Amino acid sequence: MDIVVYILRCADGSYYVGNTRKPIEQRVAEHNGGLIAGYTQSRPPVELAYSEVTNVLIVAFERERQLKGWSRAKKEALIAGQSEDLPRLASRRKR
């Protein structure tokens, strides 16, 4: 069973992190259709900015929690594929 951890970019420029066992296209459509109560319901349309797949549920939950704790800059580096910047952005926040 694949679990997708994803980051959505909302219409207001904010980011939403979630996970799903559904096909990611279906989940994004549910967010855009207002079918997912909560954060994205008042910020449509949303677009998929990043996703990664695992088949271990606890790994997906841990990764989602990790990404939710990241700064905006760190999320944007991940989305842009600039993984080399992640350590610098993490240490910068601790100062």
PDB file of N, CA and C in Angstrom:
ATOM      1  N   MET A   1       0.844  -1.182   0.000  1.00  0.00           N
ATOM      2  CA  MET A   1       0.000   0.000   0.000  1.00  0.00           C
ATOM      3  C   MET A   1       0.884   1.238   0.000  1.00  0.00           C
ATOM      4  N   ASP A   2       0.746   2.059  -1.015  1.00  0.00           N
ATOM      5  CA  ASP A   2       1.514   3.297  -1.088  1.00  0.00           C
ATOM      6  C   ASP A   2       0.836   4.392  -0.284  1.00  0.00           C
ATOM      7  N   ILE A   3       1.645   5.156   0.428  1.00  0.00           N
ATOM      8  CA  ILE A   3       1.185   6.326   1.151  1.00  0.00           C
ATOM      9  C   ILE A   3       1.974   7.507   0.610  1.00  0.00           C
ATOM     10  N   VAL A   4       1.276   8.552   0.223  1.00  0.00           N
ATOM     11  CA  VAL A   4       1.922   9.736  -0.343  1.00  0.00           C
ATOM     12  C   VAL A   4       1.937  10.837   0.710  1.00  0.00           C
ATOM     13  N   VAL A   5       3.120  11.356   0.986  1.00  0.00           N
ATOM     14  CA  VAL A   5       3.273  12.545   1.821  1.00  0.00           C
ATOM     15  C   VAL A   5       3.430  13.698   0.836  1.00  0.00           C
ATOM     16  N   TYR A   6       2.658  14.763   1.036  1.00  0.00           N
ATOM     17  CA  TYR A   6       2.631  15.815   0.027  1.00  0.00           C
ATOM     18  C   TYR A   6       2.612  17.203   0.640  1.00  0.00           C
ATOM     19  N   ILE A   7       3.046  18.164  -0.167  1.00  0.00           N
ATOM     20  CA  ILE A   7       2.961  19.579   0.188  1.00  0.00           C
ATOM     21  C   ILE A   7       2.127  20.262  -0.896  1.00  0.00           C
ATOM     22  N   LEU A   8       1.103  20.970  -0.465  1.00  0.00           N
ATOM     23  CA  LEU A   8       0.277  21.759  -1.372  1.00  0.00           C
ATOM     24  C   LEU A   8       0.615  23.229  -1.220  1.00  0.00           C
ATOM     25  N   ARG A   9       0.622  23.952  -2.318  1.00  0.00           N
ATOM     26  CA  ARG A   9       0.737  25.405  -2.289  1.00  0.00           C
ATOM     27  C   ARG A   9      -0.678  25.950  -2.422  1.00  0.00           C
ATOM     28  N   CYS A  10      -1.101  26.702  -1.436  1.00  0.00           N
ATOM     29  CA  CYS A  10      -2.459  27.253  -1.426  1.00  0.00           C
ATOM     30  C   CYS A  10      -2.505  28.578  -2.179  1.00  0.00           C
ATOM     31  N   ALA A  11      -3.706  29.005  -2.513  1.00  0.00           N
ATOM     32  CA  ALA A  11      -3.891  30.243  -3.278  1.00  0.00           C
ATOM     33  C   ALA A  11      -3.291  31.459  -2.582  1.00  0.00           C
ATOM     34  N   ASP A  12      -3.256  31.440  -1.244  1.00  0.00           N
ATOM     35  CA  ASP A  12      -2.690  32.573  -0.510  1.00  0.00           C
ATOM     36  C   ASP A  12      -1.174  32.480  -0.360  1.00  0.00           C
ATOM     37  N   GLY A  13      -0.563  31.448  -0.982  1.00  0.00           N
ATOM     38  CA  GLY A  13       0.888  31.301  -0.940  1.00  0.00           C
ATOM     39  C   GLY A  13       1.397  30.453   0.217  1.00  0.00           C
ATOM     40  N   SER A  14       0.511  30.064   1.112  1.00  0.00           N
ATOM     41  CA  SER A  14       0.927  29.224   2.234  1.00  0.00           C
ATOM     42  C   SER A  14       1.058  27.775   1.782  1.00  0.00           C
ATOM     43  N   TYR A  15       1.634  26.963   2.646  1.00  0.00           N
ATOM     44  CA  TYR A  15       1.817  25.549   2.350  1.00  0.00           C
ATOM     45  C   TYR A  15       1.026  24.691   3.318  1.00  0.00           C
ATOM     46  N   TYR A  16       0.551  23.569   2.809  1.00  0.00           N
ATOM     47  CA  TYR A  16      -0.158  22.576   3.610  1.00  0.00           C
ATOM     48  C   TYR A  16       0.544  21.243   3.409  1.00  0.00           C
ATOM     49  N   VAL A  17       0.810  20.531   4.496  1.00  0.00           N
ATOM     50  CA  VAL A  17       1.452  19.221   4.438  1.00  0.00           C
ATOM     51  C   VAL A  17       0.447  18.173   4.884  1.00  0.00           C
ATOM     52  N   GLY A  18       0.342  17.095   4.124  1.00  0.00           N
ATOM     53  CA  GLY A  18      -0.579  16.018   4.474  1.00  0.00           C
ATOM     54  C   GLY A  18      -0.093  14.691   3.939  1.00  0.00           C
ATOM     55  N   ASN A  19      -0.913  13.669   4.134  1.00  0.00           N
ATOM     56  CA  ASN A  19      -0.609  12.358   3.578  1.00  0.00           C
ATOM     57  C   ASN A  19      -1.909  11.699   3.153  1.00  0.00           C
ATOM     58  N   THR A  20      -1.797  10.746   2.245  1.00  0.00           N
ATOM     59  CA  THR A  20      -2.975  10.049   1.750  1.00  0.00           C
ATOM     60  C   THR A  20      -2.603   8.678   1.216  1.00  0.00           C
ATOM     61  N   ARG A  21      -3.558   7.782   1.260  1.00  0.00           N
ATOM     62  CA  ARG A  21      -3.413   6.477   0.619  1.00  0.00           C
ATOM     63  C   ARG A  21      -4.101   6.476  -0.746  1.00  0.00           C
ATOM     64  N   LYS A  22      -4.814   7.552  -1.036  1.00  0.00           N
ATOM     65  CA  LYS A  22      -5.501   7.685  -2.329  1.00  0.00           C
ATOM     66  C   LYS A  22      -4.510   8.149  -3.387  1.00  0.00           C
ATOM     67  N   PRO A  23      -4.867   8.003  -4.662  1.00  0.00           N
ATOM     68  CA  PRO A  23      -4.028   8.614  -5.706  1.00  0.00           C
ATOM     69  C   PRO A  23      -3.916  10.117  -5.452  1.00  0.00           C
ATOM     70  N   ILE A  24      -2.725  10.659  -5.600  1.00  0.00           N
ATOM     71  CA  ILE A  24      -2.489  12.053  -5.237  1.00  0.00           C
ATOM     72  C   ILE A  24      -3.357  13.016  -6.043  1.00  0.00           C
ATOM     73  N   GLU A  25      -3.624  12.695  -7.301  1.00  0.00           N
ATOM     74  CA  GLU A  25      -4.477  13.568  -8.108  1.00  0.00           C
ATOM     75  C   GLU A  25      -5.877  13.655  -7.517  1.00  0.00           C
ATOM     76  N   GLN A  26      -6.381  12.534  -7.022  1.00  0.00           N
ATOM     77  CA  GLN A  26      -7.704  12.513  -6.395  1.00  0.00           C
ATOM     78  C   GLN A  26      -7.708  13.347  -5.117  1.00  0.00           C
ATOM     79  N   ARG A  27      -6.641  13.212  -4.324  1.00  0.00           N
ATOM     80  CA  ARG A  27      -6.577  13.963  -3.074  1.00  0.00           C
ATOM     81  C   ARG A  27      -6.515  15.466  -3.328  1.00  0.00           C
ATOM     82  N   VAL A  28      -5.738  15.884  -4.313  1.00  0.00           N
ATOM     83  CA  VAL A  28      -5.653  17.308  -4.646  1.00  0.00           C
ATOM     84  C   VAL A  28      -7.031  17.806  -5.102  1.00  0.00           C
ATOM     85  N   ALA A  29      -7.723  17.020  -5.912  1.00  0.00           N
ATOM     86  CA  ALA A  29      -9.069  17.392  -6.365  1.00  0.00           C
ATOM     87  C   ALA A  29     -10.025  17.512  -5.176  1.00  0.00           C
ATOM     88  N   GLU A  30      -9.891  16.634  -4.182  1.00  0.00           N
ATOM     89  CA  GLU A  30     -10.737  16.725  -2.984  1.00  0.00           C
ATOM     90  C   GLU A  30     -10.459  18.013  -2.222  1.00  0.00           C
ATOM     91  N   HIS A  31      -9.182  18.381  -2.104  1.00  0.00           N
ATOM     92  CA  HIS A  31      -8.843  19.658  -1.451  1.00  0.00           C
ATOM     93  C   HIS A  31      -9.447  20.820  -2.239  1.00  0.00           C
ATOM     94  N   ASN A  32      -9.301  20.801  -3.551  1.00  0.00           N
ATOM     95  CA  ASN A  32      -9.833  21.890  -4.372  1.00  0.00           C
ATOM     96  C   ASN A  32     -11.352  21.937  -4.383  1.00  0.00           C
ATOM     97  N   GLY A  33     -11.986  20.808  -4.189  1.00  0.00           N
ATOM     98  CA  GLY A  33     -13.441  20.755  -4.154  1.00  0.00           C
ATOM     99  C   GLY A  33     -14.041  21.075  -2.799  1.00  0.00           C
ATOM    100  N   GLY A  34     -13.183  21.382  -1.828  1.00  0.00           N
ATOM    101  CA  GLY A  34     -13.664  21.714  -0.485  1.00  0.00           C
ATOM    102  C   GLY A  34     -14.125  20.507   0.301  1.00  0.00           C
ATOM    103  N   LEU A  35     -13.734  19.318  -0.128  1.00  0.00           N
ATOM    104  CA  LEU A  35     -14.167  18.089   0.535  1.00  0.00           C
ATOM    105  C   LEU A  35     -13.324  17.736   1.745  1.00  0.00           C
ATOM    106  N   ILE A  36     -12.198  18.397   1.920  1.00  0.00           N
ATOM    107  CA  ILE A  36     -11.316  18.155   3.056  1.00  0.00           C
ATOM    108  C   ILE A  36     -11.478  19.327   4.014  1.00  0.00           C
ATOM    109  N   ALA A  37     -12.115  19.067   5.134  1.00  0.00           N
ATOM    110  CA  ALA A  37     -12.335  20.125   6.124  1.00  0.00           C
ATOM    111  C   ALA A  37     -11.000  20.568   6.707  1.00  0.00           C
ATOM    112  N   GLY A  38     -10.907  21.837   7.002  1.00  0.00           N
ATOM    113  CA  GLY A  38      -9.711  22.341   7.653  1.00  0.00           C
ATOM    114  C   GLY A  38      -9.000  23.413   6.856  1.00  0.00           C
ATOM    115  N   TYR A  39      -7.696  23.401   6.945  1.00  0.00           N
ATOM    116  CA  TYR A  39      -6.846  24.482   6.467  1.00  0.00           C
ATOM    117  C   TYR A  39      -7.070  24.850   5.006  1.00  0.00           C
ATOM    118  N   THR A  40      -7.088  23.881   4.122  1.00  0.00           N
ATOM    119  CA  THR A  40      -7.159  24.188   2.691  1.00  0.00           C
ATOM    120  C   THR A  40      -8.557  24.577   2.227  1.00  0.00           C
ATOM    121  N   GLN A  41      -9.545  24.304   3.028  1.00  0.00           N
ATOM    122  CA  GLN A  41     -10.925  24.571   2.618  1.00  0.00           C
ATOM    123  C   GLN A  41     -11.164  26.056   2.336  1.00  0.00           C
ATOM    124  N   SER A  42     -10.470  26.908   3.067  1.00  0.00           N
ATOM    125  CA  SER A  42     -10.653  28.349   2.866  1.00  0.00           C
ATOM    126  C   SER A  42      -9.545  28.967   2.005  1.00  0.00           C
ATOM    127  N   ARG A  43      -8.709  28.135   1.384  1.00  0.00           N
ATOM    128  CA  ARG A  43      -7.580  28.650   0.611  1.00  0.00           C
ATOM    129  C   ARG A  43      -7.472  28.062  -0.794  1.00  0.00           C
ATOM    130  N   PRO A  44      -8.583  27.725  -1.442  1.00  0.00           N
ATOM    131  CA  PRO A  44      -8.460  27.157  -2.788  1.00  0.00           C
ATOM    132  C   PRO A  44      -8.174  28.252  -3.810  1.00  0.00           C
ATOM    133  N   PRO A  45      -7.664  27.898  -4.969  1.00  0.00           N
ATOM    134  CA  PRO A  45      -7.266  26.540  -5.325  1.00  0.00           C
ATOM    135  C   PRO A  45      -5.892  26.214  -4.751  1.00  0.00           C
ATOM    136  N   VAL A  46      -5.634  24.930  -4.626  1.00  0.00           N
ATOM    137  CA  VAL A  46      -4.322  24.454  -4.191  1.00  0.00           C
ATOM    138  C   VAL A  46      -3.670  23.726  -5.354  1.00  0.00           C
ATOM    139  N   GLU A  47      -2.353  23.656  -5.318  1.00  0.00           N
ATOM    140  CA  GLU A  47      -1.632  22.891  -6.333  1.00  0.00           C
ATOM    141  C   GLU A  47      -0.577  22.043  -5.636  1.00  0.00           C
ATOM    142  N   LEU A  48      -0.319  20.903  -6.199  1.00  0.00           N
ATOM    143  CA  LEU A  48       0.687  20.009  -5.653  1.00  0.00           C
ATOM    144  C   LEU A  48       2.062  20.612  -5.890  1.00  0.00           C
ATOM    145  N   ALA A  49       2.806  20.823  -4.799  1.00  0.00           N
ATOM    146  CA  ALA A  49       4.150  21.388  -4.903  1.00  0.00           C
ATOM    147  C   ALA A  49       5.222  20.321  -4.749  1.00  0.00           C
ATOM    148  N   TYR A  50       4.918  19.260  -3.982  1.00  0.00           N
ATOM    149  CA  TYR A  50       5.917  18.232  -3.689  1.00  0.00           C
ATOM    150  C   TYR A  50       5.196  16.982  -3.211  1.00  0.00           C
ATOM    151  N   SER A  51       5.766  15.831  -3.538  1.00  0.00           N
ATOM    152  CA  SER A  51       5.247  14.579  -2.986  1.00  0.00           C
ATOM    153  C   SER A  51       6.346  13.538  -2.932  1.00  0.00           C
ATOM    154  N   GLU A  52       6.186  12.617  -2.005  1.00  0.00           N
ATOM    155  CA  GLU A  52       7.064  11.461  -1.909  1.00  0.00           C
ATOM    156  C   GLU A  52       6.236  10.281  -1.445  1.00  0.00           C
ATOM    157  N   VAL A  53       6.660   9.093  -1.826  1.00  0.00           N
ATOM    158  CA  VAL A  53       5.872   7.887  -1.584  1.00  0.00           C
ATOM    159  C   VAL A  53       6.640   6.936  -0.681  1.00  0.00           C
ATOM    160  N   THR A  54       5.924   6.317   0.250  1.00  0.00           N
ATOM    161  CA  THR A  54       6.459   5.245   1.077  1.00  0.00           C
ATOM    162  C   THR A  54       5.390   4.167   1.165  1.00  0.00           C
ATOM    163  N   ASN A  55       5.768   3.000   1.609  1.00  0.00           N
ATOM    164  CA  ASN A  55       4.760   1.958   1.822  1.00  0.00           C
ATOM    165  C   ASN A  55       4.683   1.559   3.283  1.00  0.00           C
ATOM    166  N   VAL A  56       5.267   2.399   4.150  1.00  0.00           N
ATOM    167  CA  VAL A  56       5.255   2.148   5.585  1.00  0.00           C
ATOM    168  C   VAL A  56       4.501   3.298   6.256  1.00  0.00           C
ATOM    169  N   LEU A  57       3.377   2.986   6.863  1.00  0.00           N
ATOM    170  CA  LEU A  57       2.497   4.008   7.434  1.00  0.00           C
ATOM    171  C   LEU A  57       3.197   4.871   8.472  1.00  0.00           C
ATOM    172  N   ILE A  58       3.929   4.270   9.386  1.00  0.00           N
ATOM    173  CA  ILE A  58       4.594   5.049  10.433  1.00  0.00           C
ATOM    174  C   ILE A  58       5.649   5.986   9.835  1.00  0.00           C
ATOM    175  N   VAL A  59       6.298   5.552   8.780  1.00  0.00           N
ATOM    176  CA  VAL A  59       7.279   6.410   8.098  1.00  0.00           C
ATOM    177  C   VAL A  59       6.565   7.627   7.501  1.00  0.00           C
ATOM    178  N   ALA A  60       5.406   7.411   6.908  1.00  0.00           N
ATOM    179  CA  ALA A  60       4.629   8.523   6.338  1.00  0.00           C
ATOM    180  C   ALA A  60       4.208   9.507   7.421  1.00  0.00           C
ATOM    181  N   PHE A  61       3.713   8.997   8.546  1.00  0.00           N
ATOM    182  CA  PHE A  61       3.282   9.880   9.637  1.00  0.00           C
ATOM    183  C   PHE A  61       4.461  10.671  10.202  1.00  0.00           C
ATOM    184  N   GLU A  62       5.601  10.012  10.366  1.00  0.00           N
ATOM    185  CA  GLU A  62       6.782  10.695  10.892  1.00  0.00           C
ATOM    186  C   GLU A  62       7.291  11.753   9.921  1.00  0.00           C
ATOM    187  N   ARG A  63       7.276  11.442   8.637  1.00  0.00           N
ATOM    188  CA  ARG A  63       7.739  12.403   7.633  1.00  0.00           C
ATOM    189  C   ARG A  63       6.807  13.606   7.559  1.00  0.00           C
ATOM    190  N   GLU A  64       5.487  13.345   7.607  1.00  0.00           N
ATOM    191  CA  GLU A  64       4.532  14.451   7.611  1.00  0.00           C
ATOM    192  C   GLU A  64       4.780  15.368   8.807  1.00  0.00           C
ATOM    193  N   ARG A  65       4.959  14.789   9.971  1.00  0.00           N
ATOM    194  CA  ARG A  65       5.197  15.588  11.175  1.00  0.00           C
ATOM    195  C   ARG A  65       6.497  16.389  11.037  1.00  0.00           C
ATOM    196  N   GLN A  66       7.526  15.755  10.477  1.00  0.00           N
ATOM    197  CA  GLN A  66       8.799  16.441  10.271  1.00  0.00           C
ATOM    198  C   GLN A  66       8.615  17.651   9.349  1.00  0.00           C
ATOM    199  N   LEU A  67       7.964  17.443   8.206  1.00  0.00           N
ATOM    200  CA  LEU A  67       7.774  18.532   7.244  1.00  0.00           C
ATOM    201  C   LEU A  67       6.926  19.650   7.814  1.00  0.00           C
ATOM    202  N   LYS A  68       5.920  19.322   8.606  1.00  0.00           N
ATOM    203  CA  LYS A  68       5.079  20.355   9.219  1.00  0.00           C
ATOM    204  C   LYS A  68       5.882  21.259  10.149  1.00  0.00           C
ATOM    205  N   GLY A  69       6.958  20.722  10.719  1.00  0.00           N
ATOM    206  CA  GLY A  69       7.792  21.505  11.625  1.00  0.00           C
ATOM    207  C   GLY A  69       8.847  22.347  10.933  1.00  0.00           C
ATOM    208  N   TRP A  70       8.998  22.172   9.637  1.00  0.00           N
ATOM    209  CA  TRP A  70      10.021  22.905   8.895  1.00  0.00           C
ATOM    210  C   TRP A  70       9.600  24.343   8.634  1.00  0.00           C
ATOM    211  N   SER A  71      10.585  25.202   8.514  1.00  0.00           N
ATOM    212  CA  SER A  71      10.337  26.595   8.144  1.00  0.00           C
ATOM    213  C   SER A  71       9.883  26.667   6.684  1.00  0.00           C
ATOM    214  N   ARG A  72       9.327  27.785   6.333  1.00  0.00           N
ATOM    215  CA  ARG A  72       8.913  28.006   4.943  1.00  0.00           C
ATOM    216  C   ARG A  72      10.116  27.885   4.000  1.00  0.00           C
ATOM    217  N   ALA A  73      11.241  28.464   4.392  1.00  0.00           N
ATOM    218  CA  ALA A  73      12.442  28.423   3.556  1.00  0.00           C
ATOM    219  C   ALA A  73      12.903  26.985   3.327  1.00  0.00           C
ATOM    220  N   LYS A  74      12.833  26.182   4.348  1.00  0.00           N
ATOM    221  CA  LYS A  74      13.270  24.794   4.217  1.00  0.00           C
ATOM    222  C   LYS A  74      12.316  24.007   3.317  1.00  0.00           C
ATOM    223  N   LYS A  75      11.013  24.242   3.455  1.00  0.00           N
ATOM    224  CA  LYS A  75      10.038  23.592   2.574  1.00  0.00           C
ATOM    225  C   LYS A  75      10.272  24.013   1.127  1.00  0.00           C
ATOM    226  N   GLU A  76      10.550  25.286   0.903  1.00  0.00           N
ATOM    227  CA  GLU A  76      10.775  25.770  -0.455  1.00  0.00           C
ATOM    228  C   GLU A  76      12.043  25.184  -1.060  1.00  0.00           C
ATOM    229  N   ALA A  77      13.076  24.975  -0.254  1.00  0.00           N
ATOM    230  CA  ALA A  77      14.292  24.329  -0.755  1.00  0.00           C
ATOM    231  C   ALA A  77      13.996  22.888  -1.157  1.00  0.00           C
ATOM    232  N   LEU A  78      13.214  22.180  -0.358  1.00  0.00           N
ATOM    233  CA  LEU A  78      12.833  20.801  -0.685  1.00  0.00           C
ATOM    234  C   LEU A  78      12.036  20.778  -1.986  1.00  0.00           C
ATOM    235  N   ILE A  79      11.062  21.658  -2.109  1.00  0.00           N
ATOM    236  CA  ILE A  79      10.222  21.730  -3.309  1.00  0.00           C
ATOM    237  C   ILE A  79      11.078  22.017  -4.541  1.00  0.00           C
ATOM    238  N   ALA A  80      12.062  22.880  -4.396  1.00  0.00           N
ATOM    239  CA  ALA A  80      12.922  23.261  -5.514  1.00  0.00           C
ATOM    240  C   ALA A  80      14.005  22.226  -5.812  1.00  0.00           C
ATOM    241  N   GLY A  81      14.069  21.178  -5.003  1.00  0.00           N
ATOM    242  CA  GLY A  81      15.075  20.145  -5.221  1.00  0.00           C
ATOM    243  C   GLY A  81      16.465  20.548  -4.768  1.00  0.00           C
ATOM    244  N   GLN A  82      16.533  21.507  -3.866  1.00  0.00           N
ATOM    245  CA  GLN A  82      17.816  22.002  -3.372  1.00  0.00           C
ATOM    246  C   GLN A  82      18.147  21.366  -2.022  1.00  0.00           C
ATOM    247  N   SER A  83      18.281  20.046  -2.031  1.00  0.00           N
ATOM    248  CA  SER A  83      18.510  19.318  -0.787  1.00  0.00           C
ATOM    249  C   SER A  83      19.817  19.709  -0.109  1.00  0.00           C
ATOM    250  N   GLU A  84      20.770  20.222  -0.888  1.00  0.00           N
ATOM    251  CA  GLU A  84      22.043  20.644  -0.293  1.00  0.00           C
ATOM    252  C   GLU A  84      21.871  21.832   0.651  1.00  0.00           C
ATOM    253  N   ASP A  85      20.779  22.593   0.502  1.00  0.00           N
ATOM    254  CA  ASP A  85      20.520  23.749   1.363  1.00  0.00           C
ATOM    255  C   ASP A  85      19.829  23.382   2.675  1.00  0.00           C
ATOM    256  N   LEU A  86      19.275  22.193   2.774  1.00  0.00           N
ATOM    257  CA  LEU A  86      18.489  21.819   3.955  1.00  0.00           C
ATOM    258  C   LEU A  86      19.286  21.883   5.256  1.00  0.00           C
ATOM    259  N   PRO A  87      20.507  21.342   5.329  1.00  0.00           N
ATOM    260  CA  PRO A  87      21.251  21.436   6.600  1.00  0.00           C
ATOM    261  C   PRO A  87      21.520  22.880   7.023  1.00  0.00           C
ATOM    262  N   ARG A  88      21.872  23.724   6.078  1.00  0.00           N
ATOM    263  CA  ARG A  88      22.140  25.135   6.394  1.00  0.00           C
ATOM    264  C   ARG A  88      20.885  25.825   6.912  1.00  0.00           C
ATOM    265  N   LEU A  89      19.766  25.534   6.294  1.00  0.00           N
ATOM    266  CA  LEU A  89      18.507  26.157   6.712  1.00  0.00           C
ATOM    267  C   LEU A  89      18.073  25.654   8.081  1.00  0.00           C
ATOM    268  N   ALA A  90      18.383  24.428   8.396  1.00  0.00           N
ATOM    269  CA  ALA A  90      18.034  23.875   9.711  1.00  0.00           C
ATOM    270  C   ALA A  90      18.901  24.508  10.793  1.00  0.00           C
ATOM    271  N   SER A  91      20.198  24.625  10.550  1.00  0.00           N
ATOM    272  CA  SER A  91      21.085  25.184  11.565  1.00  0.00           C
ATOM    273  C   SER A  91      20.850  26.675  11.738  1.00  0.00           C
ATOM    274  N   ARG A  92      20.446  27.328  10.680  1.00  0.00           N
ATOM    275  CA  ARG A  92      20.180  28.766  10.734  1.00  0.00           C
ATOM    276  C   ARG A  92      19.021  29.078  11.694  1.00  0.00           C
ATOM    277  N   ARG A  93      18.029  28.225  11.721  1.00  0.00           N
ATOM    278  CA  ARG A  93      16.853  28.457  12.547  1.00  0.00           C
ATOM    279  C   ARG A  93      17.173  28.299  14.030  1.00  0.00           C
ATOM    280  N   LYS A  94      18.148  27.481  14.361  1.00  0.00           N
ATOM    281  CA  LYS A  94      18.493  27.221  15.752  1.00  0.00           C
ATOM    282  C   LYS A  94      19.222  28.396  16.409  1.00  0.00           C
ATOM    283  N   ARG A  95      19.797  29.254  15.596  1.00  0.00           N
ATOM    284  CA  ARG A  95      20.582  30.378  16.149  1.00  0.00           C
ATOM    285  C   ARG A  95      19.723  31.439  16.740  1.00  0.00           C
TER     286      ARG A  95
END
